[in-house]
Structures are given as structure tokens and as C-alpha cells.
């Protein structure tokens, strides 16, 4: 078993950045589990990709599409009532880009 390379404070910081709640048991487990994951990412970074063209997505010749069909609409107030936050026009979502 490897010793943890991620301190408990580093695990808590990562969890906070990811907006995850973690218990002390989670922190201890993640301190051990994150190093092998990072080692795997390092190994992938060492793969020789010279001559391999960058791709943004895998090309698929034929996508499994279905025809668009109108379905029963959901009740607006019912749906918005389930949202954690709402505005008169719809859902409120948190900003996902930190500009600060």
C-alpha cells in the first residue's frame, strides 16, 4: 500500500472546488486513492502521440437518431417547483466559470 501523497487538506480543498461534501473517512480514503489515479494520468501523458492528429470527438459515420416526435408537455409550475432555485423565466443555475 502506498503512502498518501495527497494531504487531508489537499483532499478537502479539491472537494471544496468540486463542491463535494466529504466526511473524515472520505478524506482518508481519497488521500490513498488519488495517487494511483494521478499515476495513471501521468502514464497516459507519457504515451508517444507524435503523428496522431488531435481530435475533439470520435467521428461516427451514422448516428443512431430517432425522428423528432412531439410529446406531452410538462407543467411549467410543477417543473420549476422542483428546482433548487428559480427566476420568473426559468431555472437559476450557478456560474461555472470563476472569473475572480
Foldseek 3Di string as FASTA:
>chain_A
DDQFPQDLVNQVVVCVLVVHDDDPVRSVVCSVVVVVVVVVVVVVVPDDCVPPDDDPDDDDPDDPDDDDDDDDDDDQCVVQVPAPDADPVGHDDDDPDDPD
